[in-house]
Amino acid sequence: MQQKGLIIKGIGGFYYVETANGIYECKARGVFRKDKITPLAGDFVSISINEDAENTIEEIEPRKNYLKRPPIANLDQLIIVASSCEPNPSTLIIDKLTAIACNRDIEPIIVLNKTDLQGAEELFEIYTKSGFETLCASAKTGEGIDELKKLLSGKISAFTGNSGVGKSTLLNCIDERLGLSTGEISEKLGRGRHTTRHTQLFKIEDGYVADTPGFSSLEIERSEIILKDDLQYCFPEFAQHIGACKFTSCKHINDKGCSILSAVESGEISKSRHSSYKTMYMEVKDIKDWEL
């Protein structure tokens, strides 16, 4: 019997596939290993249910995107959580994560948390002006929680951000049963709640959210490199200015006749965003495509 489903976890060569009829433990067919394809959490698959043998993954549907580390496929959105204070927000970290998401065709959503401690008006203006879905939130007052729930509905999402920004607290506010349901999944899949960093999806608000321990901002940054020629396309507010510079070789750093620099000077593009672009460009300017 064949069924379609979603891989919600893979560990030790076993994959746990959620279907309309429940969760099945499966092994991948040898052809995937031969073709150097590793099934990932988030993959939509067809599986064979076998009474007298192991269940097997027969087919993996084409992926729309994936991240290398932590390994996950078909993310609809990356929820980038930054705190208004404690710890102080870093626009460079936020900008690196939004660029990585754009580069992988994942929608970045920015959540400015802990607004009960300090407002985040300046950051909110920067990122809404840059074209990103941005919301303010507070686990203490409940601000933004209902809006965040709506954004998660029907999507595969992952939360990321620096340690201490309140990712787990926000998730618990979104669904107070999350601790219980995570425990139930952990028991069913044979894992201790704090013993692994393998990517796992759990259901929330009619969608799925990736287990958060593996989604530190640092881990994503280290594994996702954007080449210098691609970087300009990962800043959405640059789009209407690309091609309008005086020179086709314009790097948008300090070049004469640069349309993007003019937009920064006029306030159309935020100075902090352009500063992050320059920093990121200098970090990758000597990396060649073949080196990756």
Protein backbone atom coordinates (compact mmCIF):
# COMPACT_ATOMS: atom_id res chain seq x y z
CA MET A 1 0.00 0.00 0.00
CA GLN A 2 1.33 3.42 -0.97
CA GLN A 3 0.66 6.70 0.80
CA LYS A 4 1.81 10.29 0.53
CA GLY A 5 3.17 12.14 3.52
CA LEU A 6 5.64 14.57 5.04
CA ILE A 7 8.94 13.65 6.67
CA ILE A 8 8.80 15.17 10.15
CA LYS A 9 12.09 13.68 11.37
CA GLY A 10 15.07 11.62 10.23
CA ILE A 11 17.62 9.97 12.50
CA GLY A 12 20.00 7.05 12.14
CA GLY A 13 18.77 6.13 8.67
CA PHE A 14 15.14 5.98 9.80
CA TYR A 15 12.58 8.54 8.64
CA TYR A 16 9.28 9.31 10.32
CA VAL A 17 6.59 10.20 7.81
CA GLU A 18 3.30 11.78 8.80
CA THR A 19 0.40 10.72 6.60
CA ALA A 20 -3.36 11.10 6.82
CA ASN A 21 -3.39 7.73 8.61
CA GLY A 22 -0.65 8.37 11.16
CA ILE A 23 3.14 8.40 11.49
CA TYR A 24 5.17 5.62 9.86
CA GLU A 25 8.82 4.69 10.43
CA CYS A 26 10.49 4.19 7.05
CA LYS A 27 13.83 3.46 5.45
CA ALA A 28 14.92 5.17 2.23
CA ARG A 29 15.37 3.05 -0.89
CA GLY A 30 18.96 2.34 -1.85
CA VAL A 31 18.57 4.32 -5.08
CA PHE A 32 18.57 7.56 -3.08
CA ARG A 33 21.96 6.75 -1.57
CA LYS A 34 23.24 5.77 -5.01
CA ASP A 35 22.09 9.13 -6.40
CA LYS A 36 23.52 10.93 -3.33
CA ILE A 37 20.11 12.18 -2.26
CA THR A 38 19.42 12.39 1.47
CA PRO A 39 15.77 12.68 2.50
CA LEU A 40 15.18 15.70 4.76
CA ALA A 41 12.60 16.81 7.28
CA GLY A 42 10.12 18.83 5.24
CA ASP A 43 10.30 16.55 2.20
CA PHE A 44 6.98 15.48 0.70
CA VAL A 45 7.27 11.80 -0.13
CA SER A 46 5.48 8.67 -1.31
CA ILE A 47 5.96 5.64 0.93
CA SER A 48 5.18 1.94 0.75
CA ILE A 49 3.53 0.44 3.83
CA ASN A 50 4.66 -3.20 4.18
CA GLU A 51 3.26 -5.62 6.74
CA ASP A 52 6.10 -8.15 6.65
CA ALA A 53 9.02 -5.82 5.84
CA GLU A 54 10.30 -2.32 6.48
CA ASN A 55 8.26 0.58 5.20
CA THR A 56 10.14 2.40 2.47
CA ILE A 57 10.33 5.87 0.98
CA GLU A 58 9.69 5.35 -2.73
CA GLU A 59 9.76 8.89 -4.09
CA ILE A 60 10.73 12.38 -2.97
CA GLU A 61 8.78 15.21 -4.56
CA PRO A 62 10.83 18.10 -6.03
CA ARG A 63 11.94 20.57 -3.36
CA LYS A 64 11.23 24.27 -3.67
CA ASN A 65 14.16 25.04 -1.35
CA TYR A 66 16.32 23.65 1.43
CA LEU A 67 18.82 24.70 4.08
CA LYS A 68 22.07 22.83 4.59
CA ARG A 69 22.39 23.25 8.34
CA PRO A 70 20.19 22.51 10.02
CA PRO A 71 19.00 20.31 7.16
CA ILE A 72 15.37 20.99 6.22
CA ALA A 73 13.42 21.21 2.97
CA ASN A 74 10.43 23.17 1.67
CA LEU A 75 10.41 25.99 4.22
CA ASP A 76 7.70 28.54 3.50
CA GLN A 77 9.00 31.11 5.95
CA LEU A 78 11.88 31.87 8.28
CA ILE A 79 10.69 33.66 11.42
CA ILE A 80 13.60 35.89 12.47
CA VAL A 81 13.20 36.84 16.12
CA ALA A 82 15.09 39.82 17.53
CA SER A 83 14.59 41.40 20.92
CA SER A 84 14.12 45.13 21.37
CA CYS A 85 16.59 44.82 24.28
CA GLU A 86 18.22 42.17 26.49
CA PRO A 87 20.03 41.16 24.30
CA ASN A 88 20.34 44.27 22.20
CA PRO A 89 19.32 43.72 18.56
CA SER A 90 21.94 43.42 15.81
CA THR A 91 20.77 44.72 12.44
CA LEU A 92 23.69 42.89 10.80
CA ILE A 93 22.46 39.52 12.10
CA ILE A 94 18.89 40.27 11.05
CA ASP A 95 20.09 41.37 7.61
CA LYS A 96 22.25 38.29 7.12
CA LEU A 97 19.29 36.06 7.94
CA THR A 98 16.88 37.93 5.67
CA ALA A 99 19.42 37.72 2.84
CA ILE A 100 19.89 33.97 3.34
CA ALA A 101 16.12 33.46 3.31
CA CYS A 102 15.71 35.51 0.12
CA ASN A 103 18.58 33.62 -1.51
CA ARG A 104 16.85 30.31 -0.74
CA ASP A 105 13.41 31.49 -1.86
CA ILE A 106 12.08 31.47 1.72
CA GLU A 107 9.94 34.35 2.95
CA PRO A 108 11.63 36.14 5.87
CA ILE A 109 9.34 37.41 8.61
CA ILE A 110 10.78 39.62 11.33
CA VAL A 111 9.42 39.51 14.87
CA LEU A 112 10.61 42.26 17.20
CA ASN A 113 10.11 40.71 20.63
CA LYS A 114 10.08 42.02 24.22
CA THR A 115 8.34 45.27 23.32
CA ASP A 116 6.95 45.36 26.88
CA LEU A 117 10.51 46.18 28.00
CA GLN A 118 11.37 48.64 25.24
CA GLY A 119 9.76 49.86 22.04
CA ALA A 120 11.12 48.84 18.65
CA GLU A 121 9.77 51.66 16.47
CA GLU A 122 13.07 52.35 14.69
CA LEU A 123 13.64 48.71 13.74
CA PHE A 124 10.00 48.34 12.72
CA GLU A 125 10.37 51.29 10.34
CA ILE A 126 13.63 49.98 8.86
CA TYR A 127 12.23 46.56 7.99
CA THR A 128 8.75 47.54 6.88
CA LYS A 129 10.36 50.15 4.58
CA SER A 130 12.64 47.39 3.25
CA GLY A 131 9.60 45.35 2.24
CA PHE A 132 9.52 42.68 4.95
CA GLU A 133 6.56 41.43 6.94
CA THR A 134 7.44 42.81 10.37
CA LEU A 135 5.57 42.67 13.65
CA CYS A 136 6.14 43.64 17.26
CA ALA A 137 5.51 41.04 19.93
CA SER A 138 5.54 40.46 23.66
CA ALA A 139 4.98 37.19 25.45
CA LYS A 140 4.13 39.18 28.57
CA THR A 141 1.42 41.43 27.11
CA GLY A 142 0.32 39.16 24.27
CA GLU A 143 1.09 41.78 21.62
CA GLY A 144 1.52 40.26 18.17
CA ILE A 145 0.71 36.68 19.23
CA ASP A 146 -2.57 36.40 17.29
CA GLU A 147 -0.93 37.93 14.22
CA LEU A 148 1.93 35.43 14.47
CA LYS A 149 -0.54 32.54 14.77
CA LYS A 150 -2.16 33.59 11.50
CA LEU A 151 1.22 33.75 9.78
CA LEU A 152 2.05 30.17 10.85
CA SER A 153 -1.25 28.67 9.68
CA GLY A 154 -0.84 26.23 6.81
CA LYS A 155 2.91 26.90 6.44
CA ILE A 156 6.20 25.12 7.20
CA SER A 157 8.16 27.57 9.33
CA ALA A 158 11.35 27.80 11.32
CA PHE A 159 12.20 30.23 14.11
CA THR A 160 15.72 31.61 14.33
CA GLY A 161 17.57 34.35 16.17
CA ASN A 162 20.22 34.92 18.79
CA SER A 163 20.11 33.10 22.10
CA GLY A 164 17.90 34.87 24.62
CA VAL A 165 15.60 36.67 22.18
CA GLY A 166 12.59 34.63 23.34
CA LYS A 167 11.91 32.15 20.54
CA SER A 168 10.73 29.34 22.83
CA THR A 169 8.64 31.70 24.97
CA LEU A 170 6.86 33.00 21.87
CA LEU A 171 6.14 29.46 20.68
CA ASN A 172 4.67 28.53 24.04
CA CYS A 173 2.44 31.63 23.84
CA ILE A 174 1.31 30.62 20.38
CA ASP A 175 0.22 27.19 21.60
CA GLU A 176 0.18 26.45 25.32
CA ARG A 177 -0.08 22.73 24.53
CA LEU A 178 3.24 22.82 22.71
CA GLY A 179 5.22 21.39 25.64
CA LEU A 180 2.79 18.49 25.94
CA SER A 181 2.58 17.76 22.23
CA THR A 182 6.38 17.97 21.82
CA GLY A 183 6.73 15.46 24.65
CA GLU A 184 4.24 13.12 23.00
CA ILE A 185 6.05 13.30 19.66
CA SER A 186 9.37 12.75 21.41
CA GLU A 187 8.08 9.60 23.07
CA LYS A 188 6.57 8.30 19.86
CA LEU A 189 9.77 8.93 17.91
CA GLY A 190 12.02 7.53 20.62
CA ARG A 191 13.99 10.63 21.50
CA GLY A 192 14.60 12.50 24.72
CA ARG A 193 13.37 16.06 24.65
CA HIS A 194 16.84 17.53 25.15
CA THR A 195 19.12 14.82 23.80
CA THR A 196 19.36 15.62 20.08
CA ARG A 197 19.74 18.44 17.61
CA HIS A 198 18.17 16.58 14.70
CA THR A 199 15.65 18.66 12.81
CA GLN A 200 12.07 17.76 13.62
CA LEU A 201 8.77 19.29 12.59
CA PHE A 202 5.83 19.57 14.94
CA LYS A 203 2.28 20.65 14.24
CA ILE A 204 1.12 24.06 15.31
CA GLU A 205 -1.70 26.30 14.04
CA ASP A 206 -2.52 23.97 11.10
CA GLY A 207 1.09 24.22 9.98
CA TYR A 208 4.49 22.89 11.00
CA VAL A 209 7.32 24.50 12.91
CA ALA A 210 10.88 23.17 12.93
CA ASP A 211 12.26 22.16 16.32
CA THR A 212 14.18 25.22 17.47
CA PRO A 213 17.49 24.03 19.04
CA GLY A 214 19.19 23.56 15.65
CA PHE A 215 18.16 26.94 14.32
CA SER A 216 20.65 29.27 15.90
CA SER A 217 21.40 32.25 13.70
CA LEU A 218 25.12 31.42 13.85
CA GLU A 219 24.59 27.90 12.50
CA ILE A 220 22.60 29.15 9.52
CA GLU A 221 25.09 31.94 8.79
CA ARG A 222 28.07 29.57 8.76
CA SER A 223 26.45 27.09 6.38
CA GLU A 224 24.82 29.48 3.91
CA ILE A 225 27.23 31.58 1.84
CA ILE A 226 25.88 34.09 -0.68
CA LEU A 227 28.29 34.92 -3.51
CA LYS A 228 29.07 38.59 -4.09
CA ASP A 229 27.30 38.73 -7.47
CA ASP A 230 24.10 37.30 -5.94
CA LEU A 231 24.08 39.44 -2.80
CA GLN A 232 22.43 42.52 -4.34
CA TYR A 233 19.38 40.41 -5.24
CA CYS A 234 18.94 39.39 -1.58
CA PHE A 235 18.06 42.95 -0.55
CA PRO A 236 14.52 43.46 -1.92
CA GLU A 237 14.65 47.26 -1.63
CA PHE A 238 17.61 47.28 -4.07
CA ALA A 239 15.56 45.69 -6.86
CA GLN A 240 14.24 48.81 -8.61
CA HIS A 241 17.73 50.37 -8.62
CA ILE A 242 19.69 47.39 -10.00
CA GLY A 243 20.62 48.17 -13.59
CA ALA A 244 20.17 51.91 -13.11
CA CYS A 245 23.76 52.57 -12.01
CA LYS A 246 26.16 54.45 -14.28
CA PHE A 247 28.48 51.46 -14.65
CA THR A 248 27.38 47.87 -15.20
CA SER A 249 30.22 46.68 -12.96
CA CYS A 250 28.89 48.72 -10.01
CA LYS A 251 29.41 46.97 -6.67
CA HIS A 252 27.12 49.41 -4.79
CA ILE A 253 29.86 50.05 -2.22
CA ASN A 254 31.31 53.51 -3.01
CA ASP A 255 31.03 53.52 -6.81
CA LYS A 256 30.37 56.74 -8.72
CA GLY A 257 26.93 57.01 -10.26
CA CYS A 258 25.49 54.25 -8.09
CA SER A 259 21.69 54.37 -7.99
CA ILE A 260 21.57 52.42 -4.73
CA LEU A 261 23.94 54.86 -3.00
CA SER A 262 21.73 57.73 -4.18
CA ALA A 263 18.71 55.96 -2.66
CA VAL A 264 20.60 55.60 0.63
CA GLU A 265 21.46 59.30 0.63
CA SER A 266 17.83 60.27 -0.04
CA GLY A 267 16.57 57.99 2.75
CA GLU A 268 14.74 55.62 0.42
CA ILE A 269 17.04 52.79 1.53
CA SER A 270 18.00 52.54 5.21
CA LYS A 271 21.63 53.29 6.02
CA SER A 272 21.84 50.28 8.34
CA ARG A 273 20.67 47.96 5.55
CA HIS A 274 23.29 49.30 3.13
CA SER A 275 25.94 49.07 5.86
CA SER A 276 25.08 45.38 6.30
CA TYR A 277 25.27 44.85 2.54
CA LYS A 278 28.78 46.37 2.48
CA THR A 279 29.92 44.19 5.40
CA MET A 280 28.53 41.04 3.80
CA TYR A 281 30.03 41.92 0.42
CA MET A 282 33.50 42.36 1.91
CA GLU A 283 33.18 39.01 3.70
CA VAL A 284 32.56 37.09 0.45
CA LYS A 285 34.26 39.25 -2.23
CA ASP A 286 37.18 36.82 -2.65
CA ILE A 287 35.13 33.61 -2.62
CA LYS A 288 34.76 31.94 -6.01
CA ASP A 289 31.81 29.79 -7.11
CA TRP A 290 33.98 26.69 -7.50
CA GLU A 291 35.26 26.98 -3.93
CA LEU A 292 31.83 26.29 -2.39
